[in-house]
N, C-alpha and C. Protein backbone atom coordinates (compact mmCIF):
# COMPACT_ATOMS: atom_id res chain seq x y z
N TYR A 1 -18.64 17.44 10.49
CA TYR A 1 -19.92 17.87 10.99
C TYR A 1 -19.92 17.95 12.50
N GLY A 2 -19.97 16.80 13.19
CA GLY A 2 -20.06 16.85 14.63
C GLY A 2 -19.99 15.49 15.27
N ALA A 3 -20.04 15.50 16.60
CA ALA A 3 -20.00 14.26 17.37
C ALA A 3 -20.77 14.47 18.66
N PHE A 4 -21.17 13.37 19.28
CA PHE A 4 -21.96 13.43 20.50
C PHE A 4 -21.56 12.28 21.41
N CYS A 5 -21.53 12.55 22.70
CA CYS A 5 -21.33 11.54 23.73
C CYS A 5 -22.33 11.80 24.84
N SER A 6 -23.19 10.83 25.14
CA SER A 6 -24.20 10.99 26.17
C SER A 6 -23.56 11.36 27.50
N GLN A 7 -24.18 12.29 28.22
CA GLN A 7 -23.67 12.77 29.50
C GLN A 7 -24.52 12.29 30.67
N VAL A 8 -25.33 11.25 30.46
CA VAL A 8 -26.25 10.76 31.49
C VAL A 8 -25.51 10.37 32.76
N LYS A 9 -24.40 9.62 32.63
CA LYS A 9 -23.67 9.19 33.82
C LYS A 9 -22.92 10.34 34.48
N ASN A 10 -22.73 11.42 33.74
CA ASN A 10 -21.98 12.56 34.25
C ASN A 10 -22.96 13.66 34.61
N MET A 11 -23.56 13.57 35.78
CA MET A 11 -24.58 14.52 36.18
C MET A 11 -23.98 15.73 36.90
N SER A 12 -22.67 15.83 36.93
CA SER A 12 -22.04 16.97 37.57
C SER A 12 -22.19 18.21 36.70
N ILE A 13 -21.73 19.31 37.20
CA ILE A 13 -21.79 20.57 36.46
C ILE A 13 -20.88 20.52 35.25
N LEU A 14 -19.73 19.89 35.38
CA LEU A 14 -18.77 19.83 34.28
C LEU A 14 -19.10 18.68 33.33
N LYS A 15 -19.12 18.96 32.05
CA LYS A 15 -19.37 17.95 31.03
C LYS A 15 -18.06 17.72 30.27
N ASP A 16 -18.07 16.70 29.41
CA ASP A 16 -16.87 16.39 28.64
C ASP A 16 -16.54 17.52 27.66
N ASP A 17 -15.24 17.80 27.52
CA ASP A 17 -14.73 18.77 26.55
C ASP A 17 -14.29 17.98 25.32
N LEU A 18 -15.21 17.78 24.40
CA LEU A 18 -14.97 16.87 23.28
C LEU A 18 -14.09 17.47 22.20
N TYR A 19 -13.28 16.61 21.60
CA TYR A 19 -12.58 16.93 20.37
C TYR A 19 -12.41 15.64 19.58
N MET A 20 -12.12 15.79 18.29
CA MET A 20 -11.98 14.64 17.41
C MET A 20 -10.56 14.60 16.87
N GLU A 21 -9.96 13.42 16.92
CA GLU A 21 -8.70 13.16 16.22
C GLU A 21 -9.03 12.34 14.98
N VAL A 22 -8.51 12.76 13.86
CA VAL A 22 -8.69 12.03 12.60
C VAL A 22 -7.29 11.59 12.17
N GLU A 23 -7.16 10.29 11.96
CA GLU A 23 -5.83 9.72 11.71
C GLU A 23 -5.87 8.80 10.50
N VAL A 24 -4.81 8.83 9.73
CA VAL A 24 -4.59 7.84 8.68
C VAL A 24 -3.39 7.02 9.10
N ALA A 25 -3.58 5.70 9.18
CA ALA A 25 -2.50 4.77 9.53
C ALA A 25 -2.25 3.88 8.32
N GLY A 26 -1.00 3.62 8.07
CA GLY A 26 -0.62 2.79 6.94
C GLY A 26 0.88 2.78 6.81
N LEU A 27 1.38 2.85 5.58
CA LEU A 27 2.81 2.94 5.36
C LEU A 27 3.31 4.27 5.92
N PRO A 28 4.56 4.33 6.36
CA PRO A 28 5.06 5.54 7.03
C PRO A 28 4.81 6.84 6.28
N GLU A 29 4.92 6.83 4.95
CA GLU A 29 4.71 8.08 4.20
C GLU A 29 3.25 8.51 4.16
N ASP A 30 2.33 7.63 4.53
CA ASP A 30 0.90 7.97 4.54
C ASP A 30 0.37 8.32 5.93
N CYS A 31 1.10 8.00 6.97
CA CYS A 31 0.61 8.20 8.34
C CYS A 31 0.51 9.69 8.67
N ALA A 32 -0.64 10.08 9.22
CA ALA A 32 -0.86 11.48 9.59
C ALA A 32 -1.97 11.55 10.63
N LEU A 33 -1.92 12.60 11.44
CA LEU A 33 -2.92 12.81 12.50
C LEU A 33 -3.28 14.29 12.53
N GLN A 34 -4.59 14.57 12.57
CA GLN A 34 -5.07 15.93 12.71
C GLN A 34 -6.09 15.96 13.83
N ARG A 35 -6.19 17.11 14.49
CA ARG A 35 -7.08 17.25 15.65
C ARG A 35 -7.98 18.46 15.46
N SER A 36 -9.24 18.31 15.90
CA SER A 36 -10.17 19.43 15.86
C SER A 36 -9.95 20.31 17.09
N ARG A 37 -10.63 21.40 17.15
CA ARG A 37 -10.65 22.22 18.36
C ARG A 37 -11.52 21.50 19.40
N SER A 38 -11.42 21.91 20.65
CA SER A 38 -12.24 21.33 21.72
C SER A 38 -13.51 22.14 21.89
N ALA A 39 -14.59 21.44 22.22
CA ALA A 39 -15.85 22.08 22.57
C ALA A 39 -15.96 22.01 24.09
N ALA A 40 -15.74 23.11 24.75
CA ALA A 40 -15.62 23.14 26.20
C ALA A 40 -16.95 22.91 26.91
N ASN A 41 -16.96 21.90 27.80
CA ASN A 41 -18.02 21.69 28.78
C ASN A 41 -19.41 21.53 28.16
N THR A 42 -19.50 20.80 27.04
CA THR A 42 -20.81 20.66 26.39
C THR A 42 -21.27 19.23 26.20
N GLY A 43 -20.35 18.31 25.98
CA GLY A 43 -20.74 16.94 25.61
C GLY A 43 -21.13 16.83 24.16
N ARG A 44 -21.09 17.95 23.43
CA ARG A 44 -21.40 17.96 22.00
C ARG A 44 -20.28 18.69 21.27
N LEU A 45 -19.97 18.23 20.09
CA LEU A 45 -18.92 18.83 19.28
C LEU A 45 -19.49 19.11 17.91
N LYS A 46 -19.52 20.38 17.52
CA LYS A 46 -20.00 20.75 16.19
C LYS A 46 -18.82 21.35 15.43
N LEU A 47 -18.52 20.73 14.30
CA LEU A 47 -17.37 21.16 13.50
C LEU A 47 -17.81 21.57 12.11
N ASN A 48 -17.11 22.50 11.57
CA ASN A 48 -17.21 22.81 10.15
C ASN A 48 -15.78 22.85 9.65
N THR A 49 -15.10 21.72 9.76
CA THR A 49 -13.67 21.62 9.51
C THR A 49 -13.40 20.52 8.49
N ASP A 50 -12.52 20.82 7.56
CA ASP A 50 -12.06 19.80 6.61
C ASP A 50 -10.75 19.21 7.13
N PHE A 51 -10.65 17.90 7.05
CA PHE A 51 -9.40 17.21 7.35
C PHE A 51 -8.92 16.60 6.04
N ASP A 52 -7.84 17.13 5.51
CA ASP A 52 -7.32 16.66 4.23
C ASP A 52 -6.06 15.84 4.44
N PHE A 53 -6.00 14.68 3.78
CA PHE A 53 -4.84 13.80 3.87
C PHE A 53 -4.40 13.42 2.47
N LYS A 54 -3.11 13.44 2.24
CA LYS A 54 -2.54 12.95 0.99
C LYS A 54 -2.06 11.52 1.25
N VAL A 55 -2.65 10.58 0.54
CA VAL A 55 -2.34 9.16 0.76
C VAL A 55 -1.86 8.57 -0.56
N ARG A 56 -0.67 7.98 -0.52
CA ARG A 56 -0.10 7.37 -1.72
C ARG A 56 -0.56 5.92 -1.91
N TYR A 57 -0.76 5.22 -0.80
CA TYR A 57 -1.09 3.80 -0.85
C TYR A 57 -2.39 3.52 -0.08
N PRO A 58 -3.55 3.93 -0.63
CA PRO A 58 -4.82 3.75 0.08
C PRO A 58 -5.20 2.29 0.29
N GLU A 59 -4.65 1.40 -0.53
CA GLU A 59 -5.01 -0.02 -0.38
C GLU A 59 -4.48 -0.64 0.92
N VAL A 60 -3.52 0.02 1.59
CA VAL A 60 -3.00 -0.50 2.86
C VAL A 60 -3.17 0.52 4.00
N ALA A 61 -4.03 1.52 3.80
CA ALA A 61 -4.23 2.56 4.82
C ALA A 61 -5.59 2.41 5.49
N VAL A 62 -5.66 2.89 6.73
CA VAL A 62 -6.89 2.83 7.53
C VAL A 62 -7.20 4.24 8.03
N LEU A 63 -8.48 4.62 7.97
CA LEU A 63 -8.94 5.88 8.55
C LEU A 63 -9.46 5.60 9.94
N LEU A 64 -8.99 6.38 10.93
CA LEU A 64 -9.42 6.22 12.32
C LEU A 64 -9.99 7.54 12.82
N LEU A 65 -11.13 7.47 13.48
CA LEU A 65 -11.71 8.61 14.17
C LEU A 65 -11.67 8.31 15.66
N HIS A 66 -11.18 9.25 16.44
CA HIS A 66 -11.13 9.10 17.90
C HIS A 66 -11.88 10.27 18.51
N LEU A 67 -12.95 10.01 19.25
CA LEU A 67 -13.64 11.05 20.01
C LEU A 67 -13.02 11.06 21.40
N LYS A 68 -12.51 12.23 21.81
CA LYS A 68 -11.77 12.30 23.07
C LYS A 68 -12.29 13.42 23.96
N ASP A 69 -11.98 13.27 25.25
CA ASP A 69 -12.29 14.29 26.24
C ASP A 69 -11.00 15.02 26.58
N ASP A 70 -10.98 16.32 26.37
CA ASP A 70 -9.80 17.14 26.62
C ASP A 70 -9.65 17.35 28.12
N ASP A 71 -8.76 16.58 28.74
CA ASP A 71 -8.53 16.66 30.19
C ASP A 71 -7.32 17.53 30.46
N THR A 72 -7.52 18.64 31.13
CA THR A 72 -6.40 19.52 31.45
C THR A 72 -5.70 19.12 32.74
N LEU A 73 -6.35 18.31 33.57
CA LEU A 73 -5.77 17.95 34.86
C LEU A 73 -4.95 16.66 34.83
N VAL A 74 -5.07 15.90 33.76
CA VAL A 74 -4.29 14.65 33.64
C VAL A 74 -3.51 14.68 32.32
N ALA A 75 -2.48 13.86 32.26
CA ALA A 75 -1.59 13.88 31.09
C ALA A 75 -2.23 13.26 29.85
N LEU A 76 -3.11 12.28 30.02
CA LEU A 76 -3.67 11.55 28.89
C LEU A 76 -5.16 11.82 28.78
N ASP A 77 -5.62 12.23 27.60
CA ASP A 77 -7.04 12.48 27.38
C ASP A 77 -7.78 11.15 27.24
N ASP A 78 -9.02 11.11 27.76
CA ASP A 78 -9.84 9.91 27.69
C ASP A 78 -10.36 9.71 26.27
N THR A 79 -10.26 8.47 25.78
CA THR A 79 -10.89 8.10 24.52
C THR A 79 -12.31 7.68 24.83
N LEU A 80 -13.29 8.39 24.28
CA LEU A 80 -14.70 8.10 24.54
C LEU A 80 -15.30 7.19 23.48
N GLY A 81 -14.71 7.18 22.31
CA GLY A 81 -15.19 6.33 21.25
C GLY A 81 -14.25 6.40 20.05
N TYR A 82 -14.33 5.39 19.20
CA TYR A 82 -13.49 5.37 18.00
C TYR A 82 -14.21 4.63 16.89
N TRP A 83 -13.67 4.79 15.69
CA TRP A 83 -14.16 4.10 14.51
C TRP A 83 -12.99 3.92 13.57
N ALA A 84 -12.90 2.79 12.91
CA ALA A 84 -11.80 2.53 11.98
C ALA A 84 -12.34 1.80 10.76
N VAL A 85 -11.80 2.17 9.58
CA VAL A 85 -12.21 1.51 8.34
C VAL A 85 -11.06 1.61 7.34
N PRO A 86 -10.81 0.55 6.58
CA PRO A 86 -9.81 0.65 5.51
C PRO A 86 -10.22 1.72 4.49
N LEU A 87 -9.26 2.51 4.04
CA LEU A 87 -9.56 3.58 3.08
C LEU A 87 -10.21 3.06 1.80
N ASN A 88 -9.80 1.89 1.36
CA ASN A 88 -10.36 1.38 0.10
C ASN A 88 -11.82 0.94 0.24
N GLU A 89 -12.38 0.96 1.46
CA GLU A 89 -13.79 0.63 1.67
C GLU A 89 -14.65 1.88 1.87
N LEU A 90 -14.02 3.06 1.94
CA LEU A 90 -14.78 4.30 2.15
C LEU A 90 -15.61 4.65 0.93
N VAL A 91 -16.84 5.04 1.18
CA VAL A 91 -17.74 5.47 0.12
C VAL A 91 -18.05 6.95 0.36
N PRO A 92 -17.86 7.81 -0.66
CA PRO A 92 -18.17 9.22 -0.48
C PRO A 92 -19.63 9.43 -0.09
N GLY A 93 -19.86 10.45 0.74
CA GLY A 93 -21.21 10.78 1.16
C GLY A 93 -21.25 11.25 2.60
N ASP A 94 -22.46 11.50 3.09
CA ASP A 94 -22.69 11.91 4.47
C ASP A 94 -23.11 10.69 5.27
N TRP A 95 -22.49 10.52 6.44
CA TRP A 95 -22.71 9.31 7.24
C TRP A 95 -22.83 9.66 8.72
N VAL A 96 -23.67 8.93 9.42
CA VAL A 96 -23.70 8.95 10.88
C VAL A 96 -23.09 7.63 11.32
N ILE A 97 -22.00 7.74 12.08
CA ILE A 97 -21.21 6.57 12.46
C ILE A 97 -21.35 6.33 13.96
N ASN A 98 -21.83 5.14 14.32
CA ASN A 98 -21.85 4.77 15.74
C ASN A 98 -20.44 4.38 16.15
N LEU A 99 -19.94 5.03 17.19
CA LEU A 99 -18.58 4.78 17.64
C LEU A 99 -18.54 3.57 18.56
N ARG A 100 -17.36 3.01 18.72
CA ARG A 100 -17.12 1.87 19.61
C ARG A 100 -16.34 2.36 20.82
N ASP A 101 -16.51 1.71 21.96
CA ASP A 101 -15.75 2.10 23.15
C ASP A 101 -14.38 1.43 23.14
N THR A 102 -13.59 1.68 24.16
CA THR A 102 -12.22 1.16 24.19
C THR A 102 -12.16 -0.35 24.35
N LYS A 103 -13.30 -0.98 24.66
CA LYS A 103 -13.36 -2.45 24.73
C LYS A 103 -13.97 -3.02 23.46
N ASP A 104 -14.05 -2.19 22.41
CA ASP A 104 -14.53 -2.56 21.09
C ASP A 104 -16.01 -2.92 21.05
N ARG A 105 -16.79 -2.36 21.97
CA ARG A 105 -18.24 -2.57 21.97
C ARG A 105 -18.91 -1.40 21.28
N PRO A 106 -19.92 -1.67 20.42
CA PRO A 106 -20.65 -0.57 19.79
C PRO A 106 -21.40 0.24 20.83
N ARG A 107 -21.42 1.55 20.67
CA ARG A 107 -22.08 2.45 21.61
C ARG A 107 -23.08 3.31 20.85
N GLY A 108 -24.34 3.08 21.07
CA GLY A 108 -25.38 3.88 20.42
C GLY A 108 -25.46 5.30 20.94
N ASP A 109 -24.87 5.55 22.12
CA ASP A 109 -24.93 6.89 22.70
C ASP A 109 -23.70 7.74 22.34
N ARG A 110 -22.86 7.24 21.45
CA ARG A 110 -21.67 7.97 21.00
C ARG A 110 -21.58 7.84 19.49
N TRP A 111 -21.68 8.95 18.81
CA TRP A 111 -21.69 8.91 17.35
C TRP A 111 -20.98 10.12 16.78
N ALA A 112 -20.66 10.01 15.50
CA ALA A 112 -20.07 11.12 14.75
C ALA A 112 -20.78 11.21 13.41
N LYS A 113 -21.06 12.42 12.98
CA LYS A 113 -21.63 12.66 11.65
C LYS A 113 -20.52 13.21 10.79
N VAL A 114 -20.22 12.53 9.69
CA VAL A 114 -19.10 12.93 8.83
C VAL A 114 -19.54 13.00 7.37
N SER A 115 -18.78 13.75 6.62
CA SER A 115 -18.93 13.81 5.18
C SER A 115 -17.60 13.38 4.57
N ILE A 116 -17.64 12.39 3.72
CA ILE A 116 -16.42 11.83 3.13
C ILE A 116 -16.41 12.14 1.65
N SER A 117 -15.27 12.67 1.17
CA SER A 117 -15.12 12.92 -0.26
C SER A 117 -13.69 12.65 -0.67
N TRP A 118 -13.53 12.28 -1.93
CA TRP A 118 -12.22 12.05 -2.52
C TRP A 118 -11.92 13.21 -3.46
N LEU A 119 -10.72 13.69 -3.42
CA LEU A 119 -10.31 14.79 -4.34
C LEU A 119 -9.41 14.25 -5.43
């Protein structure tokens, strides 16, 4: 669906170029990473994208969402927020997820709206 990061502290003309990384971490055969397109200079990311993962061992796998700023001037993109949950705890449905910052603090001004389904 989408993601949002408040731009209050960033009052300049340029806003964050958001994108989402969706990752499955677990046993080597289950590990995978997919990335969305970037939303240039908006601070908002609207997606209509499916991220499909084939996981053999969901009982030891974790789903991670990383909201990032696509920085073209530096080598490493900024992580603006993340969320992690064991796959065996995921419940199908539509969810609004409050993301955490890199110091593991919940951030009400950074969220992602996702739809989770099992095939």
